[in-house]
PDB file of N, CA and C in Angstrom:
ATOM      1  N   MET A   1     106.681  83.383 116.284  1.00  0.00           N
ATOM      2  CA  MET A   1     105.481  83.833 116.966  1.00  0.00           C
ATOM      3  C   MET A   1     104.894  85.023 116.211  1.00  0.00           C
ATOM      4  N   SER A   2     103.617  84.994 116.023  1.00  0.00           N
ATOM      5  CA  SER A   2     102.917  86.097 115.368  1.00  0.00           C
ATOM      6  C   SER A   2     102.605  87.182 116.376  1.00  0.00           C
ATOM      7  N   VAL A   3     102.585  88.389 115.893  1.00  0.00           N
ATOM      8  CA  VAL A   3     102.277  89.531 116.743  1.00  0.00           C
ATOM      9  C   VAL A   3     100.768  89.783 116.705  1.00  0.00           C
ATOM     10  N   ILE A   4     100.210  90.029 117.861  1.00  0.00           N
ATOM     11  CA  ILE A   4      98.804  90.394 117.971  1.00  0.00           C
ATOM     12  C   ILE A   4      98.734  91.911 118.015  1.00  0.00           C
ATOM     13  N   ARG A   5      97.887  92.479 117.174  1.00  0.00           N
ATOM     14  CA  ARG A   5      97.696  93.930 117.143  1.00  0.00           C
ATOM     15  C   ARG A   5      96.492  94.266 118.012  1.00  0.00           C
ATOM     16  N   GLN A   6      96.668  95.259 118.866  1.00  0.00           N
ATOM     17  CA  GLN A   6      95.567  95.662 119.730  1.00  0.00           C
ATOM     18  C   GLN A   6      95.462  97.181 119.708  1.00  0.00           C
ATOM     19  N   TYR A   7      94.219  97.651 119.669  1.00  0.00           N
ATOM     20  CA  TYR A   7      93.924  99.077 119.605  1.00  0.00           C
ATOM     21  C   TYR A   7      92.970  99.424 120.737  1.00  0.00           C
ATOM     22  N   GLY A   8      93.165 100.592 121.303  1.00  0.00           N
ATOM     23  CA  GLY A   8      92.296 101.048 122.381  1.00  0.00           C
ATOM     24  C   GLY A   8      92.852 102.316 122.980  1.00  0.00           C
ATOM     25  N   LEU A   9      92.630 102.461 124.271  1.00  0.00           N
ATOM     26  CA  LEU A   9      93.130 103.616 125.010  1.00  0.00           C
ATOM     27  C   LEU A   9      94.112 103.117 126.066  1.00  0.00           C
ATOM     28  N   LYS A  10      95.272 103.743 126.142  1.00  0.00           N
ATOM     29  CA  LYS A  10      96.326 103.220 127.018  1.00  0.00           C
ATOM     30  C   LYS A  10      95.919 103.190 128.491  1.00  0.00           C
ATOM     31  N   ARG A  11      95.001 104.047 128.892  1.00  0.00           N
ATOM     32  CA  ARG A  11      94.582 104.065 130.300  1.00  0.00           C
ATOM     33  C   ARG A  11      93.278 103.309 130.544  1.00  0.00           C
ATOM     34  N   CYS A  12      92.735 102.702 129.529  1.00  0.00           N
ATOM     35  CA  CYS A  12      91.505 101.915 129.674  1.00  0.00           C
ATOM     36  C   CYS A  12      91.824 100.643 130.459  1.00  0.00           C
ATOM     37  N   SER A  13      91.120 100.418 131.554  1.00  0.00           N
ATOM     38  CA  SER A  13      91.414  99.255 132.402  1.00  0.00           C
ATOM     39  C   SER A  13      91.183  97.937 131.672  1.00  0.00           C
ATOM     40  N   THR A  14      90.197  97.873 130.811  1.00  0.00           N
ATOM     41  CA  THR A  14      89.942  96.641 130.058  1.00  0.00           C
ATOM     42  C   THR A  14      91.064  96.389 129.054  1.00  0.00           C
ATOM     43  N   CYS A  15      91.565  97.440 128.422  1.00  0.00           N
ATOM     44  CA  CYS A  15      92.688  97.294 127.480  1.00  0.00           C
ATOM     45  C   CYS A  15      93.924  96.795 128.208  1.00  0.00           C
ATOM     46  N   VAL A  16      94.209  97.368 129.372  1.00  0.00           N
ATOM     47  CA  VAL A  16      95.369  96.958 130.156  1.00  0.00           C
ATOM     48  C   VAL A  16      95.227  95.501 130.571  1.00  0.00           C
ATOM     49  N   LYS A  17      94.040  95.116 131.038  1.00  0.00           N
ATOM     50  CA  LYS A  17      93.795  93.745 131.475  1.00  0.00           C
ATOM     51  C   LYS A  17      93.957  92.758 130.310  1.00  0.00           C
ATOM     52  N   ALA A  18      93.437  93.108 129.148  1.00  0.00           N
ATOM     53  CA  ALA A  18      93.533  92.232 127.979  1.00  0.00           C
ATOM     54  C   ALA A  18      94.982  92.069 127.539  1.00  0.00           C
ATOM     55  N   ARG A  19      95.702  93.170 127.492  1.00  0.00           N
ATOM     56  CA  ARG A  19      97.101  93.124 127.069  1.00  0.00           C
ATOM     57  C   ARG A  19      97.930  92.295 128.046  1.00  0.00           C
ATOM     58  N   LYS A  20      97.697  92.498 129.328  1.00  0.00           N
ATOM     59  CA  LYS A  20      98.423  91.741 130.356  1.00  0.00           C
ATOM     60  C   LYS A  20      98.128  90.244 130.226  1.00  0.00           C
ATOM     61  N   TRP A  21      96.869  89.897 130.019  1.00  0.00           N
ATOM     62  CA  TRP A  21      96.501  88.482 129.898  1.00  0.00           C
ATOM     63  C   TRP A  21      97.200  87.855 128.702  1.00  0.00           C
ATOM     64  N   LEU A  22      97.195  88.545 127.566  1.00  0.00           N
ATOM     65  CA  LEU A  22      97.863  88.019 126.372  1.00  0.00           C
ATOM     66  C   LEU A  22      99.356  87.832 126.616  1.00  0.00           C
ATOM     67  N   GLN A  23      99.986  88.791 127.270  1.00  0.00           N
ATOM     68  CA  GLN A  23     101.414  88.687 127.553  1.00  0.00           C
ATOM     69  C   GLN A  23     101.698  87.536 128.509  1.00  0.00           C
ATOM     70  N   GLU A  24     100.805  87.297 129.461  1.00  0.00           N
ATOM     71  CA  GLU A  24     100.961  86.164 130.376  1.00  0.00           C
ATOM     72  C   GLU A  24     100.854  84.829 129.641  1.00  0.00           C
ATOM     73  N   GLN A  25     100.191  84.836 128.487  1.00  0.00           N
ATOM     74  CA  GLN A  25     100.069  83.629 127.665  1.00  0.00           C
ATOM     75  C   GLN A  25     101.257  83.497 126.707  1.00  0.00           C
ATOM     76  N   GLY A  26     102.230  84.393 126.843  1.00  0.00           N
ATOM     77  CA  GLY A  26     103.425  84.344 126.009  1.00  0.00           C
ATOM     78  C   GLY A  26     103.254  84.996 124.649  1.00  0.00           C
ATOM     79  N   GLN A  27     102.251  85.837 124.507  1.00  0.00           N
ATOM     80  CA  GLN A  27     101.974  86.489 123.224  1.00  0.00           C
ATOM     81  C   GLN A  27     102.643  87.848 123.152  1.00  0.00           C
ATOM     82  N   GLN A  28     103.104  88.188 121.957  1.00  0.00           N
ATOM     83  CA  GLN A  28     103.651  89.520 121.716  1.00  0.00           C
ATOM     84  C   GLN A  28     102.507  90.406 121.238  1.00  0.00           C
ATOM     85  N   VAL A  29     102.325  91.538 121.918  1.00  0.00           N
ATOM     86  CA  VAL A  29     101.219  92.434 121.608  1.00  0.00           C
ATOM     87  C   VAL A  29     101.772  93.811 121.218  1.00  0.00           C
ATOM     88  N   GLU A  30     101.347  94.289 120.067  1.00  0.00           N
ATOM     89  CA  GLU A  30     101.653  95.653 119.658  1.00  0.00           C
ATOM     90  C   GLU A  30     100.392  96.470 119.901  1.00  0.00           C
ATOM     91  N   PHE A  31     100.488  97.432 120.805  1.00  0.00           N
ATOM     92  CA  PHE A  31      99.330  98.224 121.202  1.00  0.00           C
ATOM     93  C   PHE A  31      99.398  99.612 120.586  1.00  0.00           C
ATOM     94  N   THR A  32      98.261 100.079 120.091  1.00  0.00           N
ATOM     95  CA  THR A  32      98.142 101.422 119.548  1.00  0.00           C
ATOM     96  C   THR A  32      97.001 102.140 120.254  1.00  0.00           C
ATOM     97  N   ASP A  33      97.308 103.287 120.825  1.00  0.00           N
ATOM     98  CA  ASP A  33      96.269 104.124 121.411  1.00  0.00           C
ATOM     99  C   ASP A  33      95.667 104.934 120.266  1.00  0.00           C
ATOM    100  N   TYR A  34      94.408 104.682 119.954  1.00  0.00           N
ATOM    101  CA  TYR A  34      93.838 105.325 118.771  1.00  0.00           C
ATOM    102  C   TYR A  34      93.433 106.780 119.001  1.00  0.00           C
ATOM    103  N   ARG A  35      93.679 107.301 120.165  1.00  0.00           N
ATOM    104  CA  ARG A  35      93.560 108.752 120.330  1.00  0.00           C
ATOM    105  C   ARG A  35      94.870 109.424 119.933  1.00  0.00           C
ATOM    106  N   ASP A  36      96.000 108.764 120.228  1.00  0.00           N
ATOM    107  CA  ASP A  36      97.316 109.298 119.875  1.00  0.00           C
ATOM    108  C   ASP A  36      97.628 109.097 118.394  1.00  0.00           C
ATOM    109  N   GLU A  37      97.200 107.957 117.851  1.00  0.00           N
ATOM    110  CA  GLU A  37      97.450 107.620 116.453  1.00  0.00           C
ATOM    111  C   GLU A  37      96.111 107.288 115.797  1.00  0.00           C
ATOM    112  N   PRO A  38      95.451 108.273 115.215  1.00  0.00           N
ATOM    113  CA  PRO A  38      94.130 108.043 114.619  1.00  0.00           C
ATOM    114  C   PRO A  38      94.123 106.891 113.616  1.00  0.00           C
ATOM    115  N   THR A  39      93.045 106.142 113.646  1.00  0.00           N
ATOM    116  CA  THR A  39      92.867 104.987 112.774  1.00  0.00           C
ATOM    117  C   THR A  39      92.434 105.446 111.394  1.00  0.00           C
ATOM    118  N   ASP A  40      93.050 104.865 110.360  1.00  0.00           N
ATOM    119  CA  ASP A  40      92.671 105.272 109.006  1.00  0.00           C
ATOM    120  C   ASP A  40      91.336 104.641 108.609  1.00  0.00           C
ATOM    121  N   GLN A  41      90.752 105.185 107.578  1.00  0.00           N
ATOM    122  CA  GLN A  41      89.412 104.780 107.133  1.00  0.00           C
ATOM    123  C   GLN A  41      89.359 103.299 106.746  1.00  0.00           C
ATOM    124  N   ALA A  42      90.399 102.806 106.101  1.00  0.00           N
ATOM    125  CA  ALA A  42      90.409 101.398 105.668  1.00  0.00           C
ATOM    126  C   ALA A  42      90.355 100.452 106.865  1.00  0.00           C
ATOM    127  N   LEU A  43      91.111 100.763 107.918  1.00  0.00           N
ATOM    128  CA  LEU A  43      91.089  99.911 109.102  1.00  0.00           C
ATOM    129  C   LEU A  43      89.745 100.008 109.815  1.00  0.00           C
ATOM    130  N   LEU A  44      89.173 101.198 109.892  1.00  0.00           N
ATOM    131  CA  LEU A  44      87.836 101.342 110.481  1.00  0.00           C
ATOM    132  C   LEU A  44      86.817 100.495 109.720  1.00  0.00           C
ATOM    133  N   GLN A  45      86.913 100.472 108.398  1.00  0.00           N
ATOM    134  CA  GLN A  45      85.989  99.666 107.594  1.00  0.00           C
ATOM    135  C   GLN A  45      86.197  98.172 107.848  1.00  0.00           C
ATOM    136  N   THR A  46      87.447  97.760 108.028  1.00  0.00           N
ATOM    137  CA  THR A  46      87.735  96.359 108.354  1.00  0.00           C
ATOM    138  C   THR A  46      87.100  95.990 109.686  1.00  0.00           C
ATOM    139  N   TRP A  47      87.267  96.866 110.666  1.00  0.00           N
ATOM    140  CA  TRP A  47      86.664  96.611 111.980  1.00  0.00           C
ATOM    141  C   TRP A  47      85.150  96.568 111.890  1.00  0.00           C
ATOM    142  N   ALA A  48      84.574  97.493 111.151  1.00  0.00           N
ATOM    143  CA  ALA A  48      83.111  97.536 111.015  1.00  0.00           C
ATOM    144  C   ALA A  48      82.598  96.245 110.391  1.00  0.00           C
ATOM    145  N   ALA A  49      83.294  95.752 109.380  1.00  0.00           N
ATOM    146  CA  ALA A  49      82.886  94.493 108.746  1.00  0.00           C
ATOM    147  C   ALA A  49      82.942  93.348 109.749  1.00  0.00           C
ATOM    148  N   ALA A  50      83.978  93.324 110.577  1.00  0.00           N
ATOM    149  CA  ALA A  50      84.112  92.266 111.585  1.00  0.00           C
ATOM    150  C   ALA A  50      83.031  92.368 112.654  1.00  0.00           C
ATOM    151  N   ALA A  51      82.600  93.580 112.946  1.00  0.00           N
ATOM    152  CA  ALA A  51      81.587  93.796 113.992  1.00  0.00           C
ATOM    153  C   ALA A  51      80.164  93.578 113.478  1.00  0.00           C
ATOM    154  N   GLY A  52      80.005  93.523 112.152  1.00  0.00           N
ATOM    155  CA  GLY A  52      78.660  93.416 111.591  1.00  0.00           C
ATOM    156  C   GLY A  52      78.081  94.783 111.270  1.00  0.00           C
ATOM    157  N   GLY A  53      78.943  95.750 111.070  1.00  0.00           N
ATOM    158  CA  GLY A  53      78.535  97.119 110.753  1.00  0.00           C
ATOM    159  C   GLY A  53      79.135  98.099 111.725  1.00  0.00           C
ATOM    160  N   ALA A  54      79.375  99.306 111.261  1.00  0.00           N
ATOM    161  CA  ALA A  54      80.006 100.320 112.101  1.00  0.00           C
ATOM    162  C   ALA A  54      79.190 100.612 113.351  1.00  0.00           C
ATOM    163  N   GLN A  55      77.885 100.591 113.215  1.00  0.00           N
ATOM    164  CA  GLN A  55      77.011 100.869 114.356  1.00  0.00           C
ATOM    165  C   GLN A  55      77.247  99.862 115.480  1.00  0.00           C
ATOM    166  N   ALA A  56      77.559  98.608 115.119  1.00  0.00           N
ATOM    167  CA  ALA A  56      77.745  97.550 116.115  1.00  0.00           C
ATOM    168  C   ALA A  56      79.045  97.691 116.903  1.00  0.00           C
ATOM    169  N   MET A  57      79.997  98.452 116.391  1.00  0.00           N
ATOM    170  CA  MET A  57      81.262  98.591 117.125  1.00  0.00           C
ATOM    171  C   MET A  57      81.271  99.821 118.045  1.00  0.00           C
ATOM    172  N   ILE A  58      80.150 100.521 118.112  1.00  0.00           N
ATOM    173  CA  ILE A  58      80.045 101.711 118.961  1.00  0.00           C
ATOM    174  C   ILE A  58      79.571 101.315 120.361  1.00  0.00           C
ATOM    175  N   ASN A  59      80.281 101.806 121.361  1.00  0.00           N
ATOM    176  CA  ASN A  59      79.943 101.557 122.757  1.00  0.00           C
ATOM    177  C   ASN A  59      78.967 102.636 123.233  1.00  0.00           C
ATOM    178  N   ARG A  60      77.702 102.268 123.301  1.00  0.00           N
ATOM    179  CA  ARG A  60      76.684 103.227 123.712  1.00  0.00           C
ATOM    180  C   ARG A  60      76.605 103.426 125.223  1.00  0.00           C
ATOM    181  N   ASN A  61      77.449 102.721 125.956  1.00  0.00           N
ATOM    182  CA  ASN A  61      77.510 102.923 127.405  1.00  0.00           C
ATOM    183  C   ASN A  61      78.644 103.852 127.803  1.00  0.00           C
ATOM    184  N   SER A  62      79.405 104.309 126.823  1.00  0.00           N
ATOM    185  CA  SER A  62      80.578 105.125 127.132  1.00  0.00           C
ATOM    186  C   SER A  62      80.192 106.544 127.539  1.00  0.00           C
ATOM    187  N   GLN A  63      81.087 107.148 128.268  1.00  0.00           N
ATOM    188  CA  GLN A  63      80.894 108.535 128.672  1.00  0.00           C
ATOM    189  C   GLN A  63      80.885 109.442 127.440  1.00  0.00           C
ATOM    190  N   THR A  64      81.684 109.098 126.449  1.00  0.00           N
ATOM    191  CA  THR A  64      81.725 109.891 125.218  1.00  0.00           C
ATOM    192  C   THR A  64      80.363 109.871 124.537  1.00  0.00           C
ATOM    193  N   TRP A  65      79.743 108.687 124.449  1.00  0.00           N
ATOM    194  CA  TRP A  65      78.426 108.568 123.823  1.00  0.00           C
ATOM    195  C   TRP A  65      77.406 109.409 124.580  1.00  0.00           C
ATOM    196  N   ARG A  66      77.416 109.298 125.893  1.00  0.00           N
ATOM    197  CA  ARG A  66      76.446 110.044 126.702  1.00  0.00           C
ATOM    198  C   ARG A  66      76.629 111.547 126.548  1.00  0.00           C
ATOM    199  N   GLY A  67      77.859 111.983 126.245  1.00  0.00           N
ATOM    200  CA  GLY A  67      78.125 113.396 126.090  1.00  0.00           C
ATOM    201  C   GLY A  67      77.819 113.956 124.712  1.00  0.00           C
ATOM    202  N   LEU A  68      77.505 113.087 123.755  1.00  0.00           N
ATOM    203  CA  LEU A  68      77.189 113.565 122.405  1.00  0.00           C
ATOM    204  C   LEU A  68      75.821 114.240 122.380  1.00  0.00           C
ATOM    205  N   PRO A  69      75.677 115.274 121.570  1.00  0.00           N
ATOM    206  CA  PRO A  69      74.342 115.842 121.374  1.00  0.00           C
ATOM    207  C   PRO A  69      73.432 114.791 120.726  1.00  0.00           C
ATOM    208  N   GLU A  70      72.174 114.820 121.034  1.00  0.00           N
ATOM    209  CA  GLU A  70      71.227 113.815 120.526  1.00  0.00           C
ATOM    210  C   GLU A  70      71.260 113.696 118.999  1.00  0.00           C
ATOM    211  N   ASN A  71      71.427 114.804 118.300  1.00  0.00           N
ATOM    212  CA  ASN A  71      71.408 114.739 116.832  1.00  0.00           C
ATOM    213  C   ASN A  71      72.632 114.010 116.264  1.00  0.00           C
ATOM    214  N   ARG A  72      73.699 113.809 117.049  1.00  0.00           N
ATOM    215  CA  ARG A  72      74.879 113.073 116.593  1.00  0.00           C
ATOM    216  C   ARG A  72      74.735 111.576 116.830  1.00  0.00           C
ATOM    217  N   LYS A  73      73.730 111.173 117.615  1.00  0.00           N
ATOM    218  CA  LYS A  73      73.567 109.768 117.984  1.00  0.00           C
ATOM    219  C   LYS A  73      72.747 108.967 116.981  1.00  0.00           C
ATOM    220  N   THR A  74      72.364 109.582 115.875  1.00  0.00           N
ATOM    221  CA  THR A  74      71.543 108.879 114.888  1.00  0.00           C
ATOM    222  C   THR A  74      72.087 109.060 113.469  1.00  0.00           C
ATOM    223  N   PRO A  75      73.339 108.651 113.230  1.00  0.00           N
ATOM    224  CA  PRO A  75      73.851 108.753 111.865  1.00  0.00           C
ATOM    225  C   PRO A  75      72.948 107.990 110.898  1.00  0.00           C
ATOM    226  N   GLY A  76      72.836 108.506 109.691  1.00  0.00           N
ATOM    227  CA  GLY A  76      71.904 107.927 108.731  1.00  0.00           C
ATOM    228  C   GLY A  76      72.482 106.878 107.802  1.00  0.00           C
ATOM    229  N   SER A  77      73.800 106.684 107.852  1.00  0.00           N
ATOM    230  CA  SER A  77      74.415 105.718 106.933  1.00  0.00           C
ATOM    231  C   SER A  77      75.649 105.095 107.572  1.00  0.00           C
ATOM    232  N   GLU A  78      76.128 104.036 106.958  1.00  0.00           N
ATOM    233  CA  GLU A  78      77.353 103.374 107.410  1.00  0.00           C
ATOM    234  C   GLU A  78      78.530 104.364 107.399  1.00  0.00           C
ATOM    235  N   GLN A  79      78.620 105.154 106.361  1.00  0.00           N
ATOM    236  CA  GLN A  79      79.710 106.127 106.264  1.00  0.00           C
ATOM    237  C   GLN A  79      79.634 107.169 107.382  1.00  0.00           C
ATOM    238  N   GLU A  80      78.439 107.558 107.767  1.00  0.00           N
ATOM    239  CA  GLU A  80      78.295 108.517 108.864  1.00  0.00           C
ATOM    240  C   GLU A  80      78.693 107.890 110.202  1.00  0.00           C
ATOM    241  N   TRP A  81      78.375 106.592 110.388  1.00  0.00           N
ATOM    242  CA  TRP A  81      78.808 105.891 111.600  1.00  0.00           C
ATOM    243  C   TRP A  81      80.327 105.811 111.637  1.00  0.00           C
ATOM    244  N   LEU A  82      80.942 105.503 110.483  1.00  0.00           N
ATOM    245  CA  LEU A  82      82.400 105.435 110.418  1.00  0.00           C
ATOM    246  C   LEU A  82      83.021 106.796 110.704  1.00  0.00           C
ATOM    247  N   ALA A  83      82.419 107.855 110.183  1.00  0.00           N
ATOM    248  CA  ALA A  83      82.921 109.207 110.428  1.00  0.00           C
ATOM    249  C   ALA A  83      82.829 109.550 111.919  1.00  0.00           C
ATOM    250  N   LEU A  84      81.756 109.122 112.574  1.00  0.00           N
ATOM    251  CA  LEU A  84      81.603 109.360 114.006  1.00  0.00           C
ATOM    252  C   LEU A  84      82.697 108.620 114.785  1.00  0.00           C
ATOM    253  N   ALA A  85      82.969 107.368 114.403  1.00  0.00           N
ATOM    254  CA  ALA A  85      84.025 106.584 115.059  1.00  0.00           C
ATOM    255  C   ALA A  85      85.398 107.221 114.833  1.00  0.00           C
ATOM    256  N   ALA A  86      85.622 107.761 113.652  1.00  0.00           N
ATOM    257  CA  ALA A  86      86.903 108.416 113.360  1.00  0.00           C
ATOM    258  C   ALA A  86      87.049 109.701 114.168  1.00  0.00           C
ATOM    259  N   GLU A  87      85.972 110.439 114.300  1.00  0.00           N
ATOM    260  CA  GLU A  87      86.010 111.705 115.042  1.00  0.00           C
ATOM    261  C   GLU A  87      86.142 111.484 116.548  1.00  0.00           C
ATOM    262  N   PHE A  88      85.476 110.443 117.043  1.00  0.00           N
ATOM    263  CA  PHE A  88      85.474 110.134 118.482  1.00  0.00           C
ATOM    264  C   PHE A  88      85.908 108.682 118.685  1.00  0.00           C
ATOM    265  N   PRO A  89      87.209 108.387 118.595  1.00  0.00           N
ATOM    266  CA  PRO A  89      87.664 107.001 118.696  1.00  0.00           C
ATOM    267  C   PRO A  89      87.319 106.343 120.030  1.00  0.00           C
ATOM    268  N   SER A  90      87.116 107.122 121.068  1.00  0.00           N
ATOM    269  CA  SER A  90      86.756 106.521 122.348  1.00  0.00           C
ATOM    270  C   SER A  90      85.350 105.930 122.335  1.00  0.00           C
ATOM    271  N   LEU A  91      84.608 106.116 121.244  1.00  0.00           N
ATOM    272  CA  LEU A  91      83.295 105.475 121.095  1.00  0.00           C
ATOM    273  C   LEU A  91      83.425 103.997 120.697  1.00  0.00           C
ATOM    274  N   ILE A  92      84.567 103.611 120.153  1.00  0.00           N
ATOM    275  CA  ILE A  92      84.755 102.245 119.659  1.00  0.00           C
ATOM    276  C   ILE A  92      84.917 101.301 120.846  1.00  0.00           C
ATOM    277  N   LYS A  93      84.194 100.183 120.815  1.00  0.00           N
ATOM    278  CA  LYS A  93      84.322  99.177 121.866  1.00  0.00           C
ATOM    279  C   LYS A  93      85.778  98.754 121.936  1.00  0.00           C
ATOM    280  N   ARG A  94      86.288  98.598 123.149  1.00  0.00           N
ATOM    281  CA  ARG A  94      87.708  98.318 123.268  1.00  0.00           C
ATOM    282  C   ARG A  94      88.011  97.256 124.308  1.00  0.00           C
ATOM    283  N   PRO A  95      89.167  96.643 124.102  1.00  0.00           N
ATOM    284  CA  PRO A  95      90.106  96.838 123.016  1.00  0.00           C
ATOM    285  C   PRO A  95      89.632  96.152 121.733  1.00  0.00           C
ATOM    286  N   VAL A  96      90.146  96.645 120.626  1.00  0.00           N
ATOM    287  CA  VAL A  96      89.981  95.963 119.348  1.00  0.00           C
ATOM    288  C   VAL A  96      91.237  95.116 119.195  1.00  0.00           C
ATOM    289  N   THR A  97      91.071  93.803 119.065  1.00  0.00           N
ATOM    290  CA  THR A  97      92.211  92.899 118.989  1.00  0.00           C
ATOM    291  C   THR A  97      92.181  92.159 117.660  1.00  0.00           C
ATOM    292  N   MET A  98      93.305  92.237 116.957  1.00  0.00           N
ATOM    293  CA  MET A  98      93.451  91.569 115.662  1.00  0.00           C
ATOM    294  C   MET A  98      94.439  90.422 115.853  1.00  0.00           C
ATOM    295  N   PHE A  99      93.901  89.196 115.812  1.00  0.00           N
ATOM    296  CA  PHE A  99      94.703  87.998 116.048  1.00  0.00           C
ATOM    297  C   PHE A  99      95.405  87.541 114.777  1.00  0.00           C
ATOM    298  N   ALA A 100      96.416  86.710 114.969  1.00  0.00           N
ATOM    299  CA  ALA A 100      97.203  86.193 113.851  1.00  0.00           C
ATOM    300  C   ALA A 100      96.347  85.383 112.876  1.00  0.00           C
ATOM    301  N   ASP A 101      95.248  84.801 113.366  1.00  0.00           N
ATOM    302  CA  ASP A 101      94.382  84.008 112.483  1.00  0.00           C
ATOM    303  C   ASP A 101      93.470  84.880 111.620  1.00  0.00           C
ATOM    304  N   GLY A 102      93.618  86.203 111.764  1.00  0.00           N
ATOM    305  CA  GLY A 102      92.822  87.133 110.962  1.00  0.00           C
ATOM    306  C   GLY A 102      91.532  87.583 111.619  1.00  0.00           C
ATOM    307  N   SER A 103      91.211  87.002 112.744  1.00  0.00           N
ATOM    308  CA  SER A 103      89.964  87.380 113.418  1.00  0.00           C
ATOM    309  C   SER A 103      90.145  88.676 114.204  1.00  0.00           C
ATOM    310  N   ILE A 104      89.033  89.342 114.416  1.00  0.00           N
ATOM    311  CA  ILE A 104      89.013  90.616 115.119  1.00  0.00           C
ATOM    312  C   ILE A 104      87.949  90.525 116.212  1.00  0.00           C
ATOM    313  N   THR A 105      88.335  90.919 117.414  1.00  0.00           N
ATOM    314  CA  THR A 105      87.374  90.930 118.520  1.00  0.00           C
ATOM    315  C   THR A 105      87.291  92.324 119.123  1.00  0.00           C
ATOM    316  N   PHE A 106      86.186  92.574 119.785  1.00  0.00           N
ATOM    317  CA  PHE A 106      85.947  93.838 120.480  1.00  0.00           C
ATOM    318  C   PHE A 106      85.693  93.501 121.944  1.00  0.00           C
ATOM    319  N   GLY A 107      86.389  94.179 122.835  1.00  0.00           N
ATOM    320  CA  GLY A 107      86.250  93.881 124.256  1.00  0.00           C
ATOM    321  C   GLY A 107      87.211  92.777 124.666  1.00  0.00           C
ATOM    322  N   PHE A 108      87.072  92.318 125.902  1.00  0.00           N
ATOM    323  CA  PHE A 108      87.965  91.288 126.423  1.00  0.00           C
ATOM    324  C   PHE A 108      87.180  90.220 127.151  1.00  0.00           C
ATOM    325  N   ALA A 109      87.355  88.996 126.699  1.00  0.00           N
ATOM    326  CA  ALA A 109      86.822  87.816 127.379  1.00  0.00           C
ATOM    327  C   ALA A 109      87.884  86.734 127.263  1.00  0.00           C
ATOM    328  N   GLN A 110      88.357  86.214 128.394  1.00  0.00           N
ATOM    329  CA  GLN A 110      89.436  85.221 128.377  1.00  0.00           C
ATOM    330  C   GLN A 110      89.104  84.030 127.487  1.00  0.00           C
ATOM    331  N   ASP A 111      87.872  83.527 127.561  1.00  0.00           N
ATOM    332  CA  ASP A 111      87.495  82.360 126.765  1.00  0.00           C
ATOM    333  C   ASP A 111      87.624  82.638 125.273  1.00  0.00           C
ATOM    334  N   THR A 112      87.186  83.816 124.856  1.00  0.00           N
ATOM    335  CA  THR A 112      87.264  84.187 123.450  1.00  0.00           C
ATOM    336  C   THR A 112      88.718  84.315 123.016  1.00  0.00           C
ATOM    337  N   PHE A 113      89.522  84.991 123.823  1.00  0.00           N
ATOM    338  CA  PHE A 113      90.928  85.151 123.491  1.00  0.00           C
ATOM    339  C   PHE A 113      91.618  83.790 123.418  1.00  0.00           C
ATOM    340  N   ALA A 114      91.361  82.930 124.400  1.00  0.00           N
ATOM    341  CA  ALA A 114      91.973  81.606 124.421  1.00  0.00           C
ATOM    342  C   ALA A 114      91.628  80.811 123.176  1.00  0.00           C
ATOM    343  N   ALA A 115      90.402  80.924 122.712  1.00  0.00           N
ATOM    344  CA  ALA A 115      89.979  80.204 121.503  1.00  0.00           C
ATOM    345  C   ALA A 115      90.761  80.677 120.275  1.00  0.00           C
ATOM    346  N   HIS A 116      91.091  81.944 120.215  1.00  0.00           N
ATOM    347  CA  HIS A 116      91.852  82.472 119.085  1.00  0.00           C
ATOM    348  C   HIS A 116      93.320  82.111 119.146  1.00  0.00           C
ATOM    349  N   LEU A 117      93.784  81.763 120.320  1.00  0.00           N
ATOM    350  CA  LEU A 117      95.201  81.389 120.479  1.00  0.00           C
ATOM    351  C   LEU A 117      95.436  79.920 120.224  1.00  0.00           C
ATOM    352  N   SER A 118      94.384  79.116 120.282  1.00  0.00           N
ATOM    353  CA  SER A 118      94.582  77.658 120.123  1.00  0.00           C
ATOM    354  C   SER A 118      94.558  77.232 118.671  1.00  0.00           C
TER     355      SER A 118
END
């Protein structure tokens, strides 16, 4: 059995729900809280590529986003978006799930997860 890697916040209800669902499907999940263990730049770039750009992996509905000063909400480049995600990991849509097939998803949807398991 391949291990599914999942990143997020340990107290995030969506992360808990996603992890529980995967475990109920008999999957082994290795979870990393990216506030406790900061994500390196290479992994952030991998996620950004999967999302269609770093800007696309940012959750603009989050409390963290709403608390940012306006001048921080308009990074001018991909590298600046990545730097913002590294500085404030709770801005990243979660959970980030890396399946054995190499695919990466953001958030939790049972149908999407099921498709990656089949």
